[in-house]
C-alpha cells in the first residue's frame, strides 16, 4: 500500500515538472484567431439532448461528437482522472490562443497537476481577467469535479473539444466534432 502511495506521489511530481517545462515553451507562443465561428452559450430551455462526458488522463469519453447544426446540447462533464483537465469547445486557433493563458495559470501556481487554487484564481482574475477561467465554452475541473456546459452549435465550423492544460493538447487530449 505504501509503495502505491509513493508511486502515485512520484507520478504527480513528475507530471508537475513536465507541465512546467511545457508551459515555459508554450507561454512564448501567441496566435490570433481569424475564425470565431464556434456557436454560443445555450439556454437550458432549448436543450435537445444531454451528453455525459468523462475526462480521463489525457482523453475524453466519448472522443467523438456528431452534432446537428443549430442543436443545443447540455454536456455533463466529469473529471475521472487524477490530473486537472479542461473541456473547451473552440476551433484549433482559439485553442492555440488559450494555451498561453493556461500556461500563465501554471506559472502563477493557480493550476497544479492535480488541483486548482481557486482562491488564488479569484485574486489573480481581479488583475487579469483571463486568470479567472470564466469562459462559457469551457470548464476547468480538478479530479472528481463535475460541471455542465450548455452550448448552441449555431454558426459553428471546424470545432474541436480539447484540454488546454499545458501539454495535454500536445499529447492528443482532443475530441473530434462533426457538425452536419
N, C-alpha and C. Protein backbone atom coordinates (compact mmCIF):
# COMPACT_ATOMS: atom_id res chain seq x y z
N UNK A 1 0.83 -1.20 0.00
CA UNK A 1 0.00 0.00 0.00
C UNK A 1 0.87 1.26 0.00
N UNK A 2 1.93 1.24 0.83
CA UNK A 2 2.82 2.39 0.90
C UNK A 2 3.53 2.60 -0.43
N UNK A 3 3.90 1.49 -1.08
CA UNK A 3 4.57 1.56 -2.38
C UNK A 3 3.66 2.25 -3.40
N UNK A 4 2.37 1.92 -3.41
CA UNK A 4 1.41 2.53 -4.35
C UNK A 4 1.27 4.02 -4.09
N UNK A 5 1.22 4.41 -2.83
CA UNK A 5 1.11 5.82 -2.48
C UNK A 5 2.36 6.57 -2.92
N UNK A 6 3.53 5.97 -2.68
CA UNK A 6 4.77 6.59 -3.12
C UNK A 6 4.80 6.73 -4.63
N UNK A 7 4.38 5.69 -5.34
CA UNK A 7 4.37 5.71 -6.80
C UNK A 7 3.43 6.81 -7.32
N UNK A 8 2.24 6.95 -6.71
CA UNK A 8 1.29 7.98 -7.13
C UNK A 8 1.88 9.37 -6.91
N UNK A 9 2.50 9.61 -5.76
CA UNK A 9 3.10 10.91 -5.48
C UNK A 9 4.25 11.18 -6.45
N UNK A 10 5.03 10.16 -6.76
CA UNK A 10 6.12 10.31 -7.71
C UNK A 10 5.60 10.70 -9.09
N UNK A 11 4.54 10.02 -9.55
CA UNK A 11 3.95 10.32 -10.86
C UNK A 11 3.42 11.75 -10.90
N UNK A 12 2.75 12.18 -9.84
CA UNK A 12 2.22 13.54 -9.79
C UNK A 12 3.36 14.55 -9.82
N UNK A 13 4.45 14.29 -9.08
CA UNK A 13 5.61 15.18 -9.08
C UNK A 13 6.22 15.28 -10.47
N UNK A 14 6.37 14.16 -11.14
CA UNK A 14 6.92 14.15 -12.50
C UNK A 14 6.00 14.93 -13.44
N UNK A 15 4.68 14.72 -13.33
CA UNK A 15 3.72 15.43 -14.18
C UNK A 15 3.81 16.94 -13.95
N UNK A 16 3.97 17.36 -12.71
CA UNK A 16 4.11 18.79 -12.42
C UNK A 16 5.34 19.36 -13.11
N UNK A 17 6.43 18.63 -13.09
CA UNK A 17 7.66 19.10 -13.75
C UNK A 17 7.47 19.16 -15.25
N UNK A 18 6.82 18.15 -15.82
CA UNK A 18 6.57 18.14 -17.26
C UNK A 18 5.68 19.31 -17.65
N UNK A 19 4.63 19.54 -16.88
CA UNK A 19 3.72 20.65 -17.16
C UNK A 19 4.47 21.98 -17.09
N UNK A 20 5.34 22.14 -16.12
CA UNK A 20 6.10 23.38 -16.00
C UNK A 20 7.00 23.58 -17.22
N UNK A 21 7.71 22.55 -17.64
CA UNK A 21 8.61 22.66 -18.79
C UNK A 21 7.83 22.99 -20.05
N UNK A 22 6.74 22.27 -20.29
CA UNK A 22 5.93 22.51 -21.48
C UNK A 22 5.33 23.90 -21.43
N UNK A 23 4.86 24.32 -20.26
CA UNK A 23 4.23 25.64 -20.15
C UNK A 23 5.23 26.75 -20.45
N UNK A 24 6.50 26.55 -20.11
CA UNK A 24 7.51 27.55 -20.42
C UNK A 24 7.62 27.76 -21.92
N UNK A 25 7.66 26.67 -22.67
CA UNK A 25 7.77 26.78 -24.12
C UNK A 25 6.49 27.31 -24.75
N UNK A 26 5.35 26.87 -24.26
CA UNK A 26 4.08 27.32 -24.83
C UNK A 26 3.84 28.79 -24.54
N UNK A 27 4.26 29.26 -23.38
CA UNK A 27 3.97 30.64 -22.99
C UNK A 27 4.63 31.67 -23.90
N UNK A 28 5.61 31.26 -24.69
CA UNK A 28 6.27 32.19 -25.59
C UNK A 28 5.59 32.28 -26.94
N UNK A 29 4.53 31.48 -27.16
CA UNK A 29 3.86 31.44 -28.45
C UNK A 29 2.50 32.14 -28.34
N UNK A 30 2.15 32.96 -29.33
CA UNK A 30 0.85 33.63 -29.34
C UNK A 30 0.26 33.54 -30.74
N UNK A 31 -1.01 33.23 -30.82
CA UNK A 31 -1.69 33.11 -32.10
C UNK A 31 -2.92 34.00 -32.12
N UNK A 32 -3.29 34.46 -33.31
CA UNK A 32 -4.50 35.26 -33.47
C UNK A 32 -5.54 34.41 -34.19
N UNK A 33 -6.76 34.46 -33.74
CA UNK A 33 -7.83 33.69 -34.36
C UNK A 33 -8.54 34.52 -35.41
N UNK A 34 -8.70 33.94 -36.59
CA UNK A 34 -9.39 34.61 -37.68
C UNK A 34 -10.83 34.11 -37.83
N UNK A 35 -11.19 33.04 -37.12
CA UNK A 35 -12.49 32.42 -37.32
C UNK A 35 -13.14 32.12 -35.97
N UNK A 36 -14.02 32.98 -35.51
CA UNK A 36 -14.65 32.82 -34.19
C UNK A 36 -15.97 32.07 -34.28
N UNK A 37 -16.22 31.36 -35.34
CA UNK A 37 -17.49 30.67 -35.53
C UNK A 37 -17.51 29.37 -34.73
N UNK A 38 -17.85 29.49 -33.45
CA UNK A 38 -17.86 28.31 -32.59
C UNK A 38 -19.22 28.04 -31.95
N UNK A 39 -20.20 28.86 -32.24
CA UNK A 39 -21.51 28.72 -31.60
C UNK A 39 -21.64 29.72 -30.47
N UNK A 40 -22.57 29.42 -29.53
CA UNK A 40 -22.82 30.37 -28.45
C UNK A 40 -23.35 29.65 -27.22
N UNK A 41 -23.30 30.34 -26.11
CA UNK A 41 -23.84 29.79 -24.86
C UNK A 41 -25.31 29.48 -25.08
N UNK A 42 -25.72 28.29 -24.69
CA UNK A 42 -27.10 27.86 -24.91
C UNK A 42 -28.01 28.14 -23.73
N UNK A 43 -29.29 27.99 -23.98
CA UNK A 43 -30.33 28.18 -22.97
C UNK A 43 -30.84 26.81 -22.54
N UNK A 44 -30.99 26.61 -21.25
CA UNK A 44 -31.45 25.32 -20.71
C UNK A 44 -32.77 24.89 -21.33
N UNK A 45 -33.63 25.84 -21.66
CA UNK A 45 -34.93 25.51 -22.23
C UNK A 45 -34.85 25.02 -23.68
N UNK A 46 -33.71 25.23 -24.33
CA UNK A 46 -33.54 24.83 -25.72
C UNK A 46 -32.74 23.53 -25.90
N UNK A 47 -32.34 22.91 -24.80
CA UNK A 47 -31.52 21.70 -24.88
C UNK A 47 -32.29 20.59 -25.58
N UNK A 48 -31.68 20.04 -26.64
CA UNK A 48 -32.31 18.94 -27.38
C UNK A 48 -31.80 17.58 -26.92
N UNK A 49 -30.61 17.55 -26.30
CA UNK A 49 -30.11 16.30 -25.73
C UNK A 49 -28.98 16.58 -24.75
N UNK A 50 -28.71 15.56 -23.94
CA UNK A 50 -27.67 15.64 -22.92
C UNK A 50 -26.60 14.61 -23.28
N UNK A 51 -25.35 15.05 -23.21
CA UNK A 51 -24.22 14.14 -23.46
C UNK A 51 -23.35 14.12 -22.21
N UNK A 52 -23.18 12.94 -21.64
CA UNK A 52 -22.30 12.77 -20.49
C UNK A 52 -20.88 12.55 -21.01
N UNK A 53 -19.95 13.33 -20.47
CA UNK A 53 -18.55 13.26 -20.89
C UNK A 53 -17.68 12.98 -19.68
N UNK A 54 -16.80 12.00 -19.81
CA UNK A 54 -15.82 11.72 -18.77
C UNK A 54 -14.45 12.12 -19.30
N UNK A 55 -13.72 12.86 -18.45
CA UNK A 55 -12.36 13.23 -18.79
C UNK A 55 -11.41 12.31 -18.01
N UNK A 56 -10.71 11.48 -18.74
CA UNK A 56 -9.69 10.62 -18.16
C UNK A 56 -8.35 11.35 -18.33
N UNK A 57 -7.28 10.74 -17.85
CA UNK A 57 -5.99 11.40 -18.00
C UNK A 57 -5.54 11.33 -19.45
N UNK A 58 -5.84 12.45 -20.12
CA UNK A 58 -5.46 12.76 -21.49
C UNK A 58 -6.33 12.15 -22.58
N UNK A 59 -7.58 11.84 -22.26
CA UNK A 59 -8.56 11.53 -23.30
C UNK A 59 -9.97 11.73 -22.75
N UNK A 60 -10.89 11.92 -23.70
CA UNK A 60 -12.31 12.10 -23.37
C UNK A 60 -13.07 10.82 -23.73
N UNK A 61 -14.14 10.60 -23.02
CA UNK A 61 -15.08 9.52 -23.36
C UNK A 61 -16.47 10.11 -23.32
N UNK A 62 -17.14 10.27 -24.47
CA UNK A 62 -16.71 9.87 -25.81
C UNK A 62 -15.64 10.82 -26.36
N UNK A 63 -14.95 10.36 -27.41
CA UNK A 63 -13.91 11.20 -28.02
C UNK A 63 -14.34 11.70 -29.41
N UNK A 64 -15.63 11.52 -29.71
CA UNK A 64 -16.19 11.98 -30.99
C UNK A 64 -17.63 12.41 -30.74
N UNK A 65 -18.01 13.57 -31.32
CA UNK A 65 -19.36 14.09 -31.15
C UNK A 65 -19.96 14.39 -32.52
N UNK A 66 -21.13 13.83 -32.79
CA UNK A 66 -21.87 14.10 -34.03
C UNK A 66 -23.02 15.02 -33.65
N UNK A 67 -22.99 16.25 -34.17
CA UNK A 67 -23.92 17.30 -33.74
C UNK A 67 -24.61 17.90 -34.96
N UNK A 68 -25.89 18.17 -34.81
CA UNK A 68 -26.64 18.83 -35.89
C UNK A 68 -26.43 20.34 -35.78
N UNK A 69 -26.27 20.99 -36.92
CA UNK A 69 -26.12 22.45 -36.94
C UNK A 69 -27.31 23.09 -36.23
N UNK A 70 -27.05 24.02 -35.34
CA UNK A 70 -28.10 24.71 -34.60
C UNK A 70 -28.55 24.00 -33.33
N UNK A 71 -28.09 22.78 -33.11
CA UNK A 71 -28.50 21.99 -31.94
C UNK A 71 -27.94 22.59 -30.65
N UNK A 72 -28.74 22.53 -29.59
CA UNK A 72 -28.30 22.96 -28.26
C UNK A 72 -28.11 21.72 -27.40
N UNK A 73 -26.91 21.56 -26.87
CA UNK A 73 -26.56 20.37 -26.11
C UNK A 73 -26.12 20.75 -24.70
N UNK A 74 -26.54 19.93 -23.76
CA UNK A 74 -26.04 20.07 -22.39
C UNK A 74 -24.97 18.99 -22.23
N UNK A 75 -23.74 19.41 -22.00
CA UNK A 75 -22.64 18.50 -21.72
C UNK A 75 -22.50 18.39 -20.20
N UNK A 76 -22.64 17.18 -19.68
CA UNK A 76 -22.40 16.93 -18.26
C UNK A 76 -20.99 16.37 -18.17
N UNK A 77 -20.05 17.20 -17.74
CA UNK A 77 -18.63 16.87 -17.79
C UNK A 77 -18.14 16.48 -16.39
N UNK A 78 -17.43 15.35 -16.34
CA UNK A 78 -16.87 14.87 -15.08
C UNK A 78 -15.41 14.51 -15.28
N UNK A 79 -14.56 15.00 -14.39
CA UNK A 79 -13.14 14.63 -14.43
C UNK A 79 -12.94 13.39 -13.57
N UNK A 80 -12.72 12.25 -14.23
CA UNK A 80 -12.50 11.00 -13.50
C UNK A 80 -11.01 10.63 -13.47
N UNK A 81 -10.16 11.51 -13.98
CA UNK A 81 -8.72 11.27 -13.97
C UNK A 81 -8.09 11.72 -12.67
N UNK A 82 -6.76 11.66 -12.63
CA UNK A 82 -6.01 12.08 -11.45
C UNK A 82 -5.35 13.44 -11.64
N UNK A 83 -5.54 14.03 -12.83
CA UNK A 83 -4.96 15.33 -13.15
C UNK A 83 -6.06 16.34 -13.44
N UNK A 84 -5.75 17.62 -13.38
CA UNK A 84 -6.67 18.68 -13.77
C UNK A 84 -6.87 18.60 -15.28
N UNK A 85 -8.12 18.79 -15.74
CA UNK A 85 -8.41 18.78 -17.17
C UNK A 85 -9.42 19.86 -17.52
N UNK A 86 -9.43 20.20 -18.80
CA UNK A 86 -10.33 21.21 -19.32
C UNK A 86 -11.17 20.60 -20.45
N UNK A 87 -12.42 21.02 -20.52
CA UNK A 87 -13.33 20.68 -21.63
C UNK A 87 -13.62 22.00 -22.29
N UNK A 88 -13.01 22.25 -23.45
CA UNK A 88 -13.08 23.55 -24.10
C UNK A 88 -13.59 23.37 -25.52
N UNK A 89 -14.70 24.03 -25.85
CA UNK A 89 -15.30 23.99 -27.18
C UNK A 89 -14.76 25.18 -27.96
N UNK A 90 -13.99 24.92 -29.02
CA UNK A 90 -13.39 26.01 -29.79
C UNK A 90 -12.84 25.45 -31.10
N UNK A 91 -12.23 26.32 -31.89
CA UNK A 91 -11.51 25.83 -33.06
C UNK A 91 -10.03 25.79 -32.71
N UNK A 92 -9.24 25.19 -33.58
CA UNK A 92 -7.82 24.98 -33.27
C UNK A 92 -7.10 26.30 -32.96
N UNK A 93 -7.35 27.33 -33.73
CA UNK A 93 -6.67 28.60 -33.48
C UNK A 93 -7.04 29.19 -32.12
N UNK A 94 -8.27 29.02 -31.71
CA UNK A 94 -8.68 29.51 -30.39
C UNK A 94 -7.99 28.72 -29.28
N UNK A 95 -7.85 27.41 -29.49
CA UNK A 95 -7.12 26.60 -28.50
C UNK A 95 -5.67 27.08 -28.39
N UNK A 96 -5.04 27.35 -29.54
CA UNK A 96 -3.65 27.82 -29.53
C UNK A 96 -3.53 29.16 -28.80
N UNK A 97 -4.52 30.02 -28.98
CA UNK A 97 -4.52 31.33 -28.32
C UNK A 97 -4.74 31.18 -26.80
N UNK A 98 -5.53 30.20 -26.40
CA UNK A 98 -5.86 29.99 -24.99
C UNK A 98 -4.72 29.31 -24.22
N UNK A 99 -3.89 28.55 -24.89
CA UNK A 99 -2.85 27.80 -24.20
C UNK A 99 -1.85 28.67 -23.43
N UNK A 100 -1.41 29.82 -23.94
CA UNK A 100 -0.54 30.67 -23.12
C UNK A 100 -1.21 31.18 -21.84
N UNK A 101 -2.53 31.40 -21.89
CA UNK A 101 -3.26 31.78 -20.67
C UNK A 101 -3.21 30.66 -19.64
N UNK A 102 -3.38 29.43 -20.13
CA UNK A 102 -3.32 28.28 -19.22
C UNK A 102 -1.91 28.12 -18.65
N UNK A 103 -0.90 28.34 -19.49
CA UNK A 103 0.48 28.27 -19.03
C UNK A 103 0.75 29.32 -17.95
N UNK A 104 0.16 30.49 -18.12
CA UNK A 104 0.31 31.56 -17.12
C UNK A 104 -0.32 31.14 -15.79
N UNK A 105 -1.41 30.38 -15.87
CA UNK A 105 -2.04 29.88 -14.64
C UNK A 105 -1.11 28.90 -13.92
N UNK A 106 -0.37 28.11 -14.69
CA UNK A 106 0.61 27.19 -14.10
C UNK A 106 1.75 28.00 -13.47
N UNK A 107 2.25 28.97 -14.21
CA UNK A 107 3.36 29.80 -13.72
C UNK A 107 3.01 30.50 -12.42
N UNK A 108 1.74 30.90 -12.28
CA UNK A 108 1.29 31.59 -11.07
C UNK A 108 0.77 30.63 -10.00
N UNK A 109 0.99 29.35 -10.21
CA UNK A 109 0.61 28.28 -9.26
C UNK A 109 -0.88 28.29 -8.92
N UNK A 110 -1.68 28.68 -9.90
CA UNK A 110 -3.13 28.56 -9.79
C UNK A 110 -3.53 27.16 -10.21
N UNK A 111 -2.91 26.73 -11.26
CA UNK A 111 -3.19 25.43 -11.85
C UNK A 111 -2.03 24.50 -11.55
N UNK A 112 -2.32 23.47 -10.76
CA UNK A 112 -1.32 22.45 -10.43
C UNK A 112 -1.73 21.16 -11.12
N UNK A 113 -0.88 20.18 -11.11
CA UNK A 113 -1.16 18.93 -11.81
C UNK A 113 -2.48 18.30 -11.36
N UNK A 114 -2.73 18.32 -10.05
CA UNK A 114 -3.90 17.62 -9.52
C UNK A 114 -4.86 18.50 -8.72
N UNK A 115 -4.71 19.82 -8.85
CA UNK A 115 -5.61 20.71 -8.11
C UNK A 115 -5.62 22.10 -8.74
N UNK A 116 -6.62 22.88 -8.35
CA UNK A 116 -6.76 24.26 -8.79
C UNK A 116 -6.89 25.13 -7.54
N UNK A 117 -6.04 26.12 -7.42
CA UNK A 117 -6.12 27.04 -6.28
C UNK A 117 -7.15 28.11 -6.63
N UNK A 118 -8.39 27.86 -6.25
CA UNK A 118 -9.50 28.74 -6.64
C UNK A 118 -9.45 30.10 -5.94
N UNK A 119 -8.89 30.16 -4.75
CA UNK A 119 -8.76 31.45 -4.06
C UNK A 119 -7.74 32.32 -4.79
N UNK A 120 -6.61 31.74 -5.16
CA UNK A 120 -5.60 32.49 -5.90
C UNK A 120 -6.14 32.88 -7.28
N UNK A 121 -6.96 32.01 -7.86
CA UNK A 121 -7.57 32.29 -9.16
C UNK A 121 -8.44 33.54 -9.07
N UNK A 122 -9.26 33.63 -8.02
CA UNK A 122 -10.13 34.80 -7.83
C UNK A 122 -9.31 36.08 -7.68
N UNK A 123 -8.24 36.01 -6.89
CA UNK A 123 -7.39 37.19 -6.67
C UNK A 123 -6.71 37.62 -7.97
N UNK A 124 -6.16 36.66 -8.70
CA UNK A 124 -5.45 36.98 -9.95
C UNK A 124 -6.41 37.50 -11.01
N UNK A 125 -7.66 37.00 -11.01
CA UNK A 125 -8.65 37.43 -12.01
C UNK A 125 -8.99 38.91 -11.87
N UNK A 126 -8.81 39.47 -10.68
CA UNK A 126 -9.05 40.90 -10.48
C UNK A 126 -8.03 41.75 -11.25
N UNK A 127 -6.82 41.17 -11.43
CA UNK A 127 -5.77 41.89 -12.16
C UNK A 127 -5.72 41.49 -13.63
N UNK A 128 -6.08 40.25 -13.91
CA UNK A 128 -6.02 39.72 -15.27
C UNK A 128 -7.22 38.79 -15.46
N UNK A 129 -8.21 39.26 -16.18
CA UNK A 129 -9.48 38.52 -16.35
C UNK A 129 -9.27 37.09 -16.86
N UNK A 130 -8.27 36.87 -17.69
CA UNK A 130 -8.01 35.55 -18.24
C UNK A 130 -7.68 34.53 -17.14
N UNK A 131 -7.16 35.00 -16.01
CA UNK A 131 -6.81 34.09 -14.91
C UNK A 131 -8.03 33.55 -14.18
N UNK A 132 -9.21 34.11 -14.46
CA UNK A 132 -10.43 33.65 -13.82
C UNK A 132 -11.02 32.41 -14.48
N UNK A 133 -10.58 32.14 -15.69
CA UNK A 133 -11.08 30.99 -16.47
C UNK A 133 -12.60 30.90 -16.40
N UNK A 134 -13.26 32.00 -16.74
CA UNK A 134 -14.72 32.05 -16.68
C UNK A 134 -15.31 32.14 -18.09
N UNK A 135 -14.97 31.19 -18.92
CA UNK A 135 -15.42 31.16 -20.30
C UNK A 135 -16.67 30.29 -20.41
N UNK A 136 -17.67 30.75 -21.13
CA UNK A 136 -18.92 29.98 -21.24
C UNK A 136 -18.75 28.73 -22.09
N UNK A 137 -17.68 28.65 -22.87
CA UNK A 137 -17.44 27.49 -23.72
C UNK A 137 -16.47 26.49 -23.10
N UNK A 138 -16.19 26.64 -21.80
CA UNK A 138 -15.14 25.83 -21.20
C UNK A 138 -15.38 25.58 -19.71
N UNK A 139 -14.94 24.40 -19.26
CA UNK A 139 -14.88 24.13 -17.81
C UNK A 139 -13.50 23.57 -17.50
N UNK A 140 -12.97 23.97 -16.37
CA UNK A 140 -11.68 23.52 -15.88
C UNK A 140 -11.94 22.80 -14.57
N UNK A 141 -11.61 21.50 -14.54
CA UNK A 141 -12.00 20.69 -13.40
C UNK A 141 -10.83 19.94 -12.78
N UNK A 142 -10.77 19.99 -11.46
CA UNK A 142 -9.83 19.17 -10.71
C UNK A 142 -10.37 17.74 -10.69
N UNK A 143 -9.54 16.77 -10.31
CA UNK A 143 -10.05 15.39 -10.22
C UNK A 143 -11.29 15.30 -9.35
N UNK A 144 -12.25 14.51 -9.81
CA UNK A 144 -13.52 14.21 -9.13
C UNK A 144 -14.54 15.34 -9.20
N UNK A 145 -14.24 16.43 -9.89
CA UNK A 145 -15.21 17.52 -10.03
C UNK A 145 -16.09 17.30 -11.25
N UNK A 146 -17.30 17.90 -11.21
CA UNK A 146 -18.26 17.83 -12.31
C UNK A 146 -18.78 19.23 -12.59
N UNK A 147 -19.12 19.48 -13.84
CA UNK A 147 -19.75 20.75 -14.20
C UNK A 147 -20.43 20.58 -15.56
N UNK A 148 -21.42 21.41 -15.82
CA UNK A 148 -22.17 21.34 -17.07
C UNK A 148 -21.85 22.53 -17.96
N UNK A 149 -21.96 22.30 -19.27
CA UNK A 149 -21.90 23.37 -20.27
C UNK A 149 -23.12 23.19 -21.16
N UNK A 150 -23.84 24.26 -21.39
CA UNK A 150 -24.94 24.24 -22.36
C UNK A 150 -24.47 25.07 -23.55
N UNK A 151 -24.40 24.42 -24.71
CA UNK A 151 -23.83 25.08 -25.87
C UNK A 151 -24.72 24.92 -27.09
N UNK A 152 -24.93 26.02 -27.79
CA UNK A 152 -25.73 26.02 -29.03
C UNK A 152 -24.76 26.06 -30.21
N UNK A 153 -24.84 25.06 -31.05
CA UNK A 153 -23.94 24.95 -32.19
C UNK A 153 -24.52 25.66 -33.41
N UNK A 154 -24.76 26.97 -33.23
CA UNK A 154 -25.22 27.81 -34.33
C UNK A 154 -23.98 28.51 -34.90
N UNK A 155 -23.92 28.61 -36.20
CA UNK A 155 -22.79 29.28 -36.84
C UNK A 155 -21.45 28.67 -36.38
N UNK A 156 -21.39 27.36 -36.24
CA UNK A 156 -20.19 26.69 -35.74
C UNK A 156 -19.54 25.86 -36.85
N UNK A 157 -18.25 26.10 -37.06
CA UNK A 157 -17.49 25.33 -38.05
C UNK A 157 -16.10 25.01 -37.49
N UNK A 158 -15.55 23.90 -37.94
CA UNK A 158 -14.18 23.49 -37.57
C UNK A 158 -13.97 23.44 -36.05
N UNK A 159 -14.93 22.85 -35.36
CA UNK A 159 -14.88 22.78 -33.89
C UNK A 159 -14.14 21.52 -33.46
N UNK A 160 -13.43 21.65 -32.36
CA UNK A 160 -12.87 20.50 -31.65
C UNK A 160 -12.99 20.79 -30.17
N UNK A 161 -13.07 19.74 -29.41
CA UNK A 161 -13.11 19.89 -27.96
C UNK A 161 -11.74 19.45 -27.47
N UNK A 162 -11.13 20.28 -26.63
CA UNK A 162 -9.76 19.97 -26.23
C UNK A 162 -9.47 20.44 -24.81
N UNK A 163 -8.42 19.85 -24.27
CA UNK A 163 -7.89 20.25 -22.97
C UNK A 163 -6.65 21.09 -23.24
N UNK A 164 -6.64 22.31 -22.73
CA UNK A 164 -5.53 23.22 -22.94
C UNK A 164 -4.62 23.35 -21.73
N UNK A 165 -4.76 22.45 -20.76
CA UNK A 165 -3.80 22.38 -19.67
C UNK A 165 -2.45 22.11 -20.35
N UNK A 166 -1.39 22.82 -20.00
CA UNK A 166 -0.13 22.66 -20.71
C UNK A 166 0.28 21.20 -20.91
N UNK A 167 0.51 20.89 -22.18
CA UNK A 167 0.95 19.55 -22.57
C UNK A 167 -0.16 18.61 -22.96
N UNK A 168 -1.38 18.83 -22.51
CA UNK A 168 -2.47 17.88 -22.75
C UNK A 168 -2.94 17.91 -24.21
N UNK A 169 -3.06 19.10 -24.79
CA UNK A 169 -3.44 19.20 -26.20
C UNK A 169 -2.38 18.51 -27.06
N UNK A 170 -1.12 18.74 -26.71
CA UNK A 170 0.00 18.22 -27.49
C UNK A 170 0.07 16.68 -27.45
N UNK A 171 -0.42 16.07 -26.36
CA UNK A 171 -0.41 14.60 -26.32
C UNK A 171 -1.72 14.01 -26.84
N UNK A 172 -2.60 14.86 -27.35
CA UNK A 172 -3.79 14.37 -28.04
C UNK A 172 -5.09 14.37 -27.26
N UNK A 173 -5.20 15.18 -26.22
CA UNK A 173 -6.47 15.25 -25.49
C UNK A 173 -7.42 16.17 -26.27
N UNK A 174 -7.89 15.63 -27.38
CA UNK A 174 -8.75 16.35 -28.32
C UNK A 174 -9.88 15.41 -28.74
N UNK A 175 -11.10 15.92 -28.75
CA UNK A 175 -12.25 15.15 -29.25
C UNK A 175 -12.72 15.78 -30.55
N UNK A 176 -13.01 14.95 -31.50
CA UNK A 176 -13.49 15.40 -32.82
C UNK A 176 -14.96 15.79 -32.71
N UNK A 177 -15.35 16.82 -33.46
CA UNK A 177 -16.74 17.27 -33.52
C UNK A 177 -17.13 17.35 -34.98
N UNK A 178 -18.17 16.62 -35.35
CA UNK A 178 -18.70 16.64 -36.71
C UNK A 178 -20.05 17.35 -36.66
N UNK A 179 -20.14 18.51 -37.32
CA UNK A 179 -21.38 19.27 -37.35
C UNK A 179 -21.99 19.12 -38.74
N UNK A 180 -23.24 18.62 -38.78
CA UNK A 180 -23.89 18.44 -40.09
C UNK A 180 -25.31 18.95 -40.06
